[in-house]
Full PDB file with SEQRES, HELIX, SHEET, SSBOND, CRYST1, ORIGX, SCALE, CONECT and MASTER records, all heavy atoms in Angstrom:
SEQRES   1 A   29  GLU PHE ILE SER ALA TYR ALA ILE ASP LEU LYS SER CYS          
SEQRES   2 A   29  ARG VAL LEU THR SER GLU LEU ILE GLY GLU PHE LEU GLU          
SEQRES   3 A   29  CYS PHE ARG                                                  
HELIX    1 AA1 PHE A    2  ALA A    5  1                                   4    
HELIX    2 AA2 ALA A    7  SER A   12  1                                   6    
HELIX    3 AA3 SER A   18  PHE A   24  1                                   7    
HELIX    4 AA4 LEU A   25  CYS A   27  5                                   3    
CRYST1    1.000    1.000    1.000  90.00  90.00  90.00 P 1           1          
ORIGX1      1.000000  0.000000  0.000000        0.00000                         
ORIGX2      0.000000  1.000000  0.000000        0.00000                         
ORIGX3      0.000000  0.000000  1.000000        0.00000                         
SCALE1      1.000000  0.000000  0.000000        0.00000                         
SCALE2      0.000000  1.000000  0.000000        0.00000                         
SCALE3      0.000000  0.000000  1.000000        0.00000                         
ATOM      1  N   GLU A   1       1.999 -14.584  -9.095  1.00  0.00           N  
ATOM      2  CA  GLU A   1       3.122 -15.442  -9.282  1.00  0.00           C  
ATOM      3  C   GLU A   1       4.374 -14.636  -9.329  1.00  0.00           C  
ATOM      4  O   GLU A   1       5.430 -15.048  -8.797  1.00  0.00           O  
ATOM      5  CB  GLU A   1       2.960 -16.240 -10.597  1.00  0.00           C  
ATOM      6  CG  GLU A   1       1.885 -17.276 -10.553  1.00  0.00           C  
ATOM      7  CD  GLU A   1       1.705 -17.960 -11.881  1.00  0.00           C  
ATOM      8  OE1 GLU A   1       1.907 -17.351 -12.971  1.00  0.00           O  
ATOM      9  OE2 GLU A   1       1.319 -19.169 -11.864  1.00  0.00           O  
ATOM     10  N   PHE A   2       4.341 -13.499  -9.929  1.00  0.00           N  
ATOM     11  CA  PHE A   2       5.503 -12.558  -9.995  1.00  0.00           C  
ATOM     12  C   PHE A   2       5.818 -12.042  -8.576  1.00  0.00           C  
ATOM     13  O   PHE A   2       7.058 -12.126  -8.212  1.00  0.00           O  
ATOM     14  CB  PHE A   2       5.226 -11.372 -10.928  1.00  0.00           C  
ATOM     15  CG  PHE A   2       6.281 -10.274 -10.749  1.00  0.00           C  
ATOM     16  CD1 PHE A   2       7.466 -10.310 -11.358  1.00  0.00           C  
ATOM     17  CD2 PHE A   2       5.915  -9.134  -9.954  1.00  0.00           C  
ATOM     18  CE1 PHE A   2       8.403  -9.366 -11.219  1.00  0.00           C  
ATOM     19  CE2 PHE A   2       6.869  -8.112  -9.815  1.00  0.00           C  
ATOM     20  CZ  PHE A   2       8.124  -8.221 -10.413  1.00  0.00           C  
ATOM     21  N   ILE A   3       4.851 -11.767  -7.864  1.00  0.00           N  
ATOM     22  CA  ILE A   3       5.123 -11.254  -6.415  1.00  0.00           C  
ATOM     23  C   ILE A   3       5.712 -12.425  -5.623  1.00  0.00           C  
ATOM     24  O   ILE A   3       6.663 -12.165  -4.814  1.00  0.00           O  
ATOM     25  CB  ILE A   3       3.844 -10.702  -5.852  1.00  0.00           C  
ATOM     26  CG1 ILE A   3       3.433  -9.436  -6.502  1.00  0.00           C  
ATOM     27  CG2 ILE A   3       3.969 -10.546  -4.306  1.00  0.00           C  
ATOM     28  CD1 ILE A   3       2.077  -8.875  -6.082  1.00  0.00           C  
ATOM     29  N   SER A   4       5.210 -13.604  -5.737  1.00  0.00           N  
ATOM     30  CA  SER A   4       5.757 -14.725  -4.937  1.00  0.00           C  
ATOM     31  C   SER A   4       7.170 -15.071  -5.405  1.00  0.00           C  
ATOM     32  O   SER A   4       7.957 -15.460  -4.559  1.00  0.00           O  
ATOM     33  CB  SER A   4       4.802 -15.960  -4.965  1.00  0.00           C  
ATOM     34  OG  SER A   4       4.718 -16.437  -6.303  1.00  0.00           O  
ATOM     35  N   ALA A   5       7.464 -14.965  -6.744  1.00  0.00           N  
ATOM     36  CA  ALA A   5       8.754 -15.293  -7.193  1.00  0.00           C  
ATOM     37  C   ALA A   5       9.807 -14.268  -6.732  1.00  0.00           C  
ATOM     38  O   ALA A   5      11.003 -14.653  -6.487  1.00  0.00           O  
ATOM     39  CB  ALA A   5       8.786 -15.435  -8.666  1.00  0.00           C  
ATOM     40  N   TYR A   6       9.490 -12.994  -6.699  1.00  0.00           N  
ATOM     41  CA  TYR A   6      10.404 -11.972  -6.351  1.00  0.00           C  
ATOM     42  C   TYR A   6      10.064 -11.309  -5.047  1.00  0.00           C  
ATOM     43  O   TYR A   6      10.370 -10.145  -4.837  1.00  0.00           O  
ATOM     44  CB  TYR A   6      10.416 -10.924  -7.523  1.00  0.00           C  
ATOM     45  CG  TYR A   6      10.978 -11.523  -8.795  1.00  0.00           C  
ATOM     46  CD1 TYR A   6      10.174 -11.936  -9.778  1.00  0.00           C  
ATOM     47  CD2 TYR A   6      12.422 -11.538  -8.915  1.00  0.00           C  
ATOM     48  CE1 TYR A   6      10.720 -12.422 -10.955  1.00  0.00           C  
ATOM     49  CE2 TYR A   6      12.914 -12.030 -10.093  1.00  0.00           C  
ATOM     50  CZ  TYR A   6      12.112 -12.515 -11.058  1.00  0.00           C  
ATOM     51  OH  TYR A   6      12.707 -13.029 -12.217  1.00  0.00           O  
ATOM     52  N   ALA A   7       9.529 -12.014  -4.146  1.00  0.00           N  
ATOM     53  CA  ALA A   7       9.121 -11.418  -2.800  1.00  0.00           C  
ATOM     54  C   ALA A   7      10.315 -10.868  -2.066  1.00  0.00           C  
ATOM     55  O   ALA A   7      10.218  -9.761  -1.478  1.00  0.00           O  
ATOM     56  CB  ALA A   7       8.413 -12.515  -1.932  1.00  0.00           C  
ATOM     57  N   ILE A   8      11.460 -11.540  -2.097  1.00  0.00           N  
ATOM     58  CA  ILE A   8      12.603 -11.059  -1.328  1.00  0.00           C  
ATOM     59  C   ILE A   8      13.181  -9.765  -1.906  1.00  0.00           C  
ATOM     60  O   ILE A   8      13.451  -8.785  -1.207  1.00  0.00           O  
ATOM     61  CB  ILE A   8      13.748 -12.081  -1.307  1.00  0.00           C  
ATOM     62  CG1 ILE A   8      13.180 -13.373  -0.548  1.00  0.00           C  
ATOM     63  CG2 ILE A   8      15.022 -11.597  -0.682  1.00  0.00           C  
ATOM     64  CD1 ILE A   8      14.038 -14.595  -0.665  1.00  0.00           C  
ATOM     65  N   ASP A   9      13.257  -9.738  -3.289  1.00  0.00           N  
ATOM     66  CA  ASP A   9      13.686  -8.483  -3.879  1.00  0.00           C  
ATOM     67  C   ASP A   9      12.684  -7.273  -3.734  1.00  0.00           C  
ATOM     68  O   ASP A   9      13.110  -6.123  -3.575  1.00  0.00           O  
ATOM     69  CB  ASP A   9      13.863  -8.717  -5.381  1.00  0.00           C  
ATOM     70  CG  ASP A   9      14.979  -9.748  -5.657  1.00  0.00           C  
ATOM     71  OD1 ASP A   9      15.874  -9.869  -4.835  1.00  0.00           O  
ATOM     72  OD2 ASP A   9      14.932 -10.366  -6.765  1.00  0.00           O  
ATOM     73  N   LEU A  10      11.393  -7.619  -3.707  1.00  0.00           N  
ATOM     74  CA  LEU A  10      10.464  -6.537  -3.560  1.00  0.00           C  
ATOM     75  C   LEU A  10      10.366  -6.017  -2.137  1.00  0.00           C  
ATOM     76  O   LEU A  10      10.165  -4.845  -1.934  1.00  0.00           O  
ATOM     77  CB  LEU A  10       8.982  -7.119  -3.905  1.00  0.00           C  
ATOM     78  CG  LEU A  10       8.775  -7.384  -5.387  1.00  0.00           C  
ATOM     79  CD1 LEU A  10       7.429  -8.039  -5.642  1.00  0.00           C  
ATOM     80  CD2 LEU A  10       8.904  -6.152  -6.238  1.00  0.00           C  
ATOM     81  N   LYS A  11      10.663  -6.849  -1.142  1.00  0.00           N  
ATOM     82  CA  LYS A  11      10.684  -6.384   0.273  1.00  0.00           C  
ATOM     83  C   LYS A  11      11.822  -5.455   0.510  1.00  0.00           C  
ATOM     84  O   LYS A  11      11.683  -4.529   1.295  1.00  0.00           O  
ATOM     85  CB  LYS A  11      10.720  -7.610   1.229  1.00  0.00           C  
ATOM     86  CG  LYS A  11       9.446  -8.360   1.319  1.00  0.00           C  
ATOM     87  CD  LYS A  11       9.628  -9.551   2.233  1.00  0.00           C  
ATOM     88  CE  LYS A  11       8.341 -10.396   2.247  1.00  0.00           C  
ATOM     89  NZ  LYS A  11       8.478 -11.574   3.100  1.00  0.00           N  
ATOM     90  N   SER A  12      12.910  -5.656  -0.188  1.00  0.00           N  
ATOM     91  CA  SER A  12      14.088  -4.771   0.030  1.00  0.00           C  
ATOM     92  C   SER A  12      14.076  -3.484  -0.757  1.00  0.00           C  
ATOM     93  O   SER A  12      14.926  -2.631  -0.516  1.00  0.00           O  
ATOM     94  CB  SER A  12      15.360  -5.621  -0.252  1.00  0.00           C  
ATOM     95  OG  SER A  12      15.424  -5.912  -1.654  1.00  0.00           O  
ATOM     96  N   CYS A  13      13.140  -3.320  -1.708  1.00  0.00           N  
ATOM     97  CA  CYS A  13      13.198  -2.099  -2.458  1.00  0.00           C  
ATOM     98  C   CYS A  13      11.946  -1.277  -2.195  1.00  0.00           C  
ATOM     99  O   CYS A  13      10.910  -1.751  -1.744  1.00  0.00           O  
ATOM    100  CB  CYS A  13      13.275  -2.416  -4.016  1.00  0.00           C  
ATOM    101  SG  CYS A  13      11.798  -3.109  -4.713  1.00  0.00           S  
ATOM    102  N   ARG A  14      12.050  -0.019  -2.526  1.00  0.00           N  
ATOM    103  CA  ARG A  14      10.896   0.888  -2.436  1.00  0.00           C  
ATOM    104  C   ARG A  14      10.279   1.268  -3.744  1.00  0.00           C  
ATOM    105  O   ARG A  14       9.143   1.573  -3.879  1.00  0.00           O  
ATOM    106  CB  ARG A  14      11.257   2.158  -1.682  1.00  0.00           C  
ATOM    107  CG  ARG A  14      11.746   1.877  -0.218  1.00  0.00           C  
ATOM    108  CD  ARG A  14      11.592   3.154   0.571  1.00  0.00           C  
ATOM    109  NE  ARG A  14      12.057   2.919   1.943  1.00  0.00           N  
ATOM    110  CZ  ARG A  14      11.329   2.477   2.886  1.00  0.00           C  
ATOM    111  NH1 ARG A  14      10.083   2.121   2.679  1.00  0.00           N  
ATOM    112  NH2 ARG A  14      11.802   2.330   4.090  1.00  0.00           N  
ATOM    113  N   VAL A  15      11.106   1.232  -4.804  1.00  0.00           N  
ATOM    114  CA  VAL A  15      10.689   1.557  -6.141  1.00  0.00           C  
ATOM    115  C   VAL A  15      11.159   0.384  -7.029  1.00  0.00           C  
ATOM    116  O   VAL A  15      12.225  -0.176  -6.854  1.00  0.00           O  
ATOM    117  CB  VAL A  15      11.369   2.819  -6.602  1.00  0.00           C  
ATOM    118  CG1 VAL A  15      10.989   3.214  -8.035  1.00  0.00           C  
ATOM    119  CG2 VAL A  15      10.961   4.024  -5.710  1.00  0.00           C  
ATOM    120  N   LEU A  16      10.345   0.089  -8.004  1.00  0.00           N  
ATOM    121  CA  LEU A  16      10.666  -1.035  -8.934  1.00  0.00           C  
ATOM    122  C   LEU A  16      11.954  -0.632  -9.807  1.00  0.00           C  
ATOM    123  O   LEU A  16      11.962   0.388 -10.322  1.00  0.00           O  
ATOM    124  CB  LEU A  16       9.538  -1.340  -9.895  1.00  0.00           C  
ATOM    125  CG  LEU A  16       8.332  -2.049  -9.231  1.00  0.00           C  
ATOM    126  CD1 LEU A  16       7.234  -2.154 -10.266  1.00  0.00           C  
ATOM    127  CD2 LEU A  16       8.719  -3.425  -8.709  1.00  0.00           C  
ATOM    128  N   THR A  17      12.897  -1.540  -9.891  1.00  0.00           N  
ATOM    129  CA  THR A  17      14.051  -1.352 -10.689  1.00  0.00           C  
ATOM    130  C   THR A  17      13.738  -1.745 -12.079  1.00  0.00           C  
ATOM    131  O   THR A  17      12.707  -2.406 -12.405  1.00  0.00           O  
ATOM    132  CB  THR A  17      15.233  -2.121 -10.153  1.00  0.00           C  
ATOM    133  OG1 THR A  17      14.899  -3.462 -10.227  1.00  0.00           O  
ATOM    134  CG2 THR A  17      15.630  -1.723  -8.734  1.00  0.00           C  
ATOM    135  N   SER A  18      14.589  -1.396 -13.026  1.00  0.00           N  
ATOM    136  CA  SER A  18      14.314  -1.756 -14.410  1.00  0.00           C  
ATOM    137  C   SER A  18      14.425  -3.235 -14.704  1.00  0.00           C  
ATOM    138  O   SER A  18      13.641  -3.757 -15.525  1.00  0.00           O  
ATOM    139  CB  SER A  18      15.287  -0.963 -15.393  1.00  0.00           C  
ATOM    140  OG  SER A  18      16.672  -1.330 -14.983  1.00  0.00           O  
ATOM    141  N   GLU A  19      15.241  -3.971 -13.911  1.00  0.00           N  
ATOM    142  CA  GLU A  19      15.323  -5.422 -14.048  1.00  0.00           C  
ATOM    143  C   GLU A  19      13.984  -6.024 -13.585  1.00  0.00           C  
ATOM    144  O   GLU A  19      13.397  -6.915 -14.209  1.00  0.00           O  
ATOM    145  CB  GLU A  19      16.462  -5.996 -13.195  1.00  0.00           C  
ATOM    146  CG  GLU A  19      17.835  -5.678 -13.714  1.00  0.00           C  
ATOM    147  CD  GLU A  19      18.302  -4.346 -13.179  1.00  0.00           C  
ATOM    148  OE1 GLU A  19      17.713  -3.818 -12.156  1.00  0.00           O  
ATOM    149  OE2 GLU A  19      19.244  -3.765 -13.760  1.00  0.00           O  
ATOM    150  N   LEU A  20      13.457  -5.510 -12.513  1.00  0.00           N  
ATOM    151  CA  LEU A  20      12.100  -6.066 -11.943  1.00  0.00           C  
ATOM    152  C   LEU A  20      11.012  -5.710 -12.911  1.00  0.00           C  
ATOM    153  O   LEU A  20      10.072  -6.505 -13.060  1.00  0.00           O  
ATOM    154  CB  LEU A  20      11.873  -5.549 -10.580  1.00  0.00           C  
ATOM    155  CG  LEU A  20      12.672  -6.166  -9.432  1.00  0.00           C  
ATOM    156  CD1 LEU A  20      12.378  -5.481  -8.090  1.00  0.00           C  
ATOM    157  CD2 LEU A  20      12.388  -7.610  -9.296  1.00  0.00           C  
ATOM    158  N   ILE A  21      11.054  -4.509 -13.504  1.00  0.00           N  
ATOM    159  CA  ILE A  21      10.020  -4.110 -14.495  1.00  0.00           C  
ATOM    160  C   ILE A  21      10.057  -5.015 -15.671  1.00  0.00           C  
ATOM    161  O   ILE A  21       9.036  -5.512 -16.192  1.00  0.00           O  
ATOM    162  CB  ILE A  21      10.224  -2.687 -14.840  1.00  0.00           C  
ATOM    163  CG1 ILE A  21       9.906  -1.772 -13.710  1.00  0.00           C  
ATOM    164  CG2 ILE A  21       9.249  -2.312 -16.026  1.00  0.00           C  
ATOM    165  CD1 ILE A  21      10.262  -0.283 -13.863  1.00  0.00           C  
ATOM    166  N   GLY A  22      11.231  -5.363 -16.117  1.00  0.00           N  
ATOM    167  CA  GLY A  22      11.319  -6.310 -17.264  1.00  0.00           C  
ATOM    168  C   GLY A  22      10.773  -7.656 -16.956  1.00  0.00           C  
ATOM    169  O   GLY A  22      10.071  -8.295 -17.784  1.00  0.00           O  
ATOM    170  N   GLU A  23      10.969  -8.145 -15.747  1.00  0.00           N  
ATOM    171  CA  GLU A  23      10.432  -9.416 -15.380  1.00  0.00           C  
ATOM    172  C   GLU A  23       8.875  -9.244 -15.162  1.00  0.00           C  
ATOM    173  O   GLU A  23       8.150 -10.178 -15.463  1.00  0.00           O  
ATOM    174  CB  GLU A  23      11.039  -9.957 -14.086  1.00  0.00           C  
ATOM    175  CG  GLU A  23      12.520 -10.328 -14.269  1.00  0.00           C  
ATOM    176  CD  GLU A  23      12.713 -11.552 -15.132  1.00  0.00           C  
ATOM    177  OE1 GLU A  23      11.815 -12.418 -15.129  1.00  0.00           O  
ATOM    178  OE2 GLU A  23      13.759 -11.567 -15.855  1.00  0.00           O  
ATOM    179  N   PHE A  24       8.470  -8.165 -14.663  1.00  0.00           N  
ATOM    180  CA  PHE A  24       7.047  -7.893 -14.369  1.00  0.00           C  
ATOM    181  C   PHE A  24       6.259  -7.869 -15.647  1.00  0.00           C  
ATOM    182  O   PHE A  24       5.102  -8.381 -15.727  1.00  0.00           O  
ATOM    183  CB  PHE A  24       6.922  -6.495 -13.651  1.00  0.00           C  
ATOM    184  CG  PHE A  24       5.514  -6.037 -13.521  1.00  0.00           C  
ATOM    185  CD1 PHE A  24       4.611  -6.685 -12.644  1.00  0.00           C  
ATOM    186  CD2 PHE A  24       5.053  -5.007 -14.300  1.00  0.00           C  
ATOM    187  CE1 PHE A  24       3.338  -6.251 -12.517  1.00  0.00           C  
ATOM    188  CE2 PHE A  24       3.735  -4.545 -14.138  1.00  0.00           C  
ATOM    189  CZ  PHE A  24       2.886  -5.146 -13.268  1.00  0.00           C  
ATOM    190  N   LEU A  25       6.849  -7.363 -16.735  1.00  0.00           N  
ATOM    191  CA  LEU A  25       6.118  -7.217 -17.999  1.00  0.00           C  
ATOM    192  C   LEU A  25       5.957  -8.614 -18.711  1.00  0.00           C  
ATOM    193  O   LEU A  25       5.228  -8.649 -19.709  1.00  0.00           O  
ATOM    194  CB  LEU A  25       6.802  -6.274 -18.935  1.00  0.00           C  
ATOM    195  CG  LEU A  25       6.613  -4.763 -18.476  1.00  0.00           C  
ATOM    196  CD1 LEU A  25       7.503  -3.869 -19.350  1.00  0.00           C  
ATOM    197  CD2 LEU A  25       5.193  -4.368 -18.497  1.00  0.00           C  
ATOM    198  N   GLU A  26       6.563  -9.681 -18.150  1.00  0.00           N  
ATOM    199  CA  GLU A  26       6.336 -11.014 -18.672  1.00  0.00           C  
ATOM    200  C   GLU A  26       4.926 -11.518 -18.284  1.00  0.00           C  
ATOM    201  O   GLU A  26       4.469 -12.523 -18.776  1.00  0.00           O  
ATOM    202  CB  GLU A  26       7.353 -11.974 -18.245  1.00  0.00           C  
ATOM    203  CG  GLU A  26       8.715 -11.744 -18.889  1.00  0.00           C  
ATOM    204  CD  GLU A  26       9.685 -12.830 -18.471  1.00  0.00           C  
ATOM    205  OE1 GLU A  26       9.273 -13.879 -17.910  1.00  0.00           O  
ATOM    206  OE2 GLU A  26      10.904 -12.645 -18.694  1.00  0.00           O  
ATOM    207  N   CYS A  27       4.240 -10.806 -17.379  1.00  0.00           N  
ATOM    208  CA  CYS A  27       2.930 -11.171 -16.883  1.00  0.00           C  
ATOM    209  C   CYS A  27       1.892 -10.722 -17.897  1.00  0.00           C  
ATOM    210  O   CYS A  27       0.642 -10.930 -17.577  1.00  0.00           O  
ATOM    211  CB  CYS A  27       2.693 -10.563 -15.541  1.00  0.00           C  
ATOM    212  SG  CYS A  27       3.788 -11.086 -14.271  1.00  0.00           S  
ATOM    213  N   PHE A  28       2.214 -10.121 -18.966  1.00  0.00           N  
ATOM    214  CA  PHE A  28       1.142  -9.571 -19.888  1.00  0.00           C  
ATOM    215  C   PHE A  28       1.436  -9.980 -21.322  1.00  0.00           C  
ATOM    216  O   PHE A  28       2.609 -10.135 -21.755  1.00  0.00           O  
ATOM    217  CB  PHE A  28       1.173  -8.008 -19.779  1.00  0.00           C  
ATOM    218  CG  PHE A  28       0.939  -7.515 -18.410  1.00  0.00           C  
ATOM    219  CD1 PHE A  28       2.002  -7.189 -17.597  1.00  0.00           C  
ATOM    220  CD2 PHE A  28      -0.317  -7.453 -17.912  1.00  0.00           C  
ATOM    221  CE1 PHE A  28       1.800  -6.749 -16.319  1.00  0.00           C  
ATOM    222  CE2 PHE A  28      -0.561  -7.043 -16.623  1.00  0.00           C  
ATOM    223  CZ  PHE A  28       0.543  -6.652 -15.811  1.00  0.00           C  
ATOM    224  N   ARG A  29       0.373 -10.245 -22.065  1.00  0.00           N  
ATOM    225  CA  ARG A  29       0.433 -10.563 -23.473  1.00  0.00           C  
ATOM    226  C   ARG A  29       0.136  -9.282 -24.257  1.00  0.00           C  
ATOM    227  O   ARG A  29      -0.904  -8.708 -24.059  1.00  0.00           O  
ATOM    228  CB  ARG A  29      -0.529 -11.604 -23.849  1.00  0.00           C  
ATOM    229  CG  ARG A  29      -0.458 -12.009 -25.290  1.00  0.00           C  
ATOM    230  CD  ARG A  29      -1.259 -13.257 -25.653  1.00  0.00           C  
ATOM    231  NE  ARG A  29      -0.488 -14.418 -25.157  1.00  0.00           N  
ATOM    232  CZ  ARG A  29      -0.993 -15.371 -24.443  1.00  0.00           C  
ATOM    233  NH1 ARG A  29      -2.257 -15.369 -24.066  1.00  0.00           N  
ATOM    234  NH2 ARG A  29      -0.206 -16.395 -23.996  1.00  0.00           N  
TER     235      ARG A  29                                                      
MASTER        0    0    0    4    0    0    0    6  234    1    0    3          
END                                                                             
C-alpha cells in the first residue's frame, strides 16, 4: 500500500528520503 501510494515519488528517487522513511515506518507496529 505504501508503494502504491508513493509510486511517483519512488520512481523519481534512487535513495529513500527522510520524509519517505517517516511515511514508510507507518507500515509497522
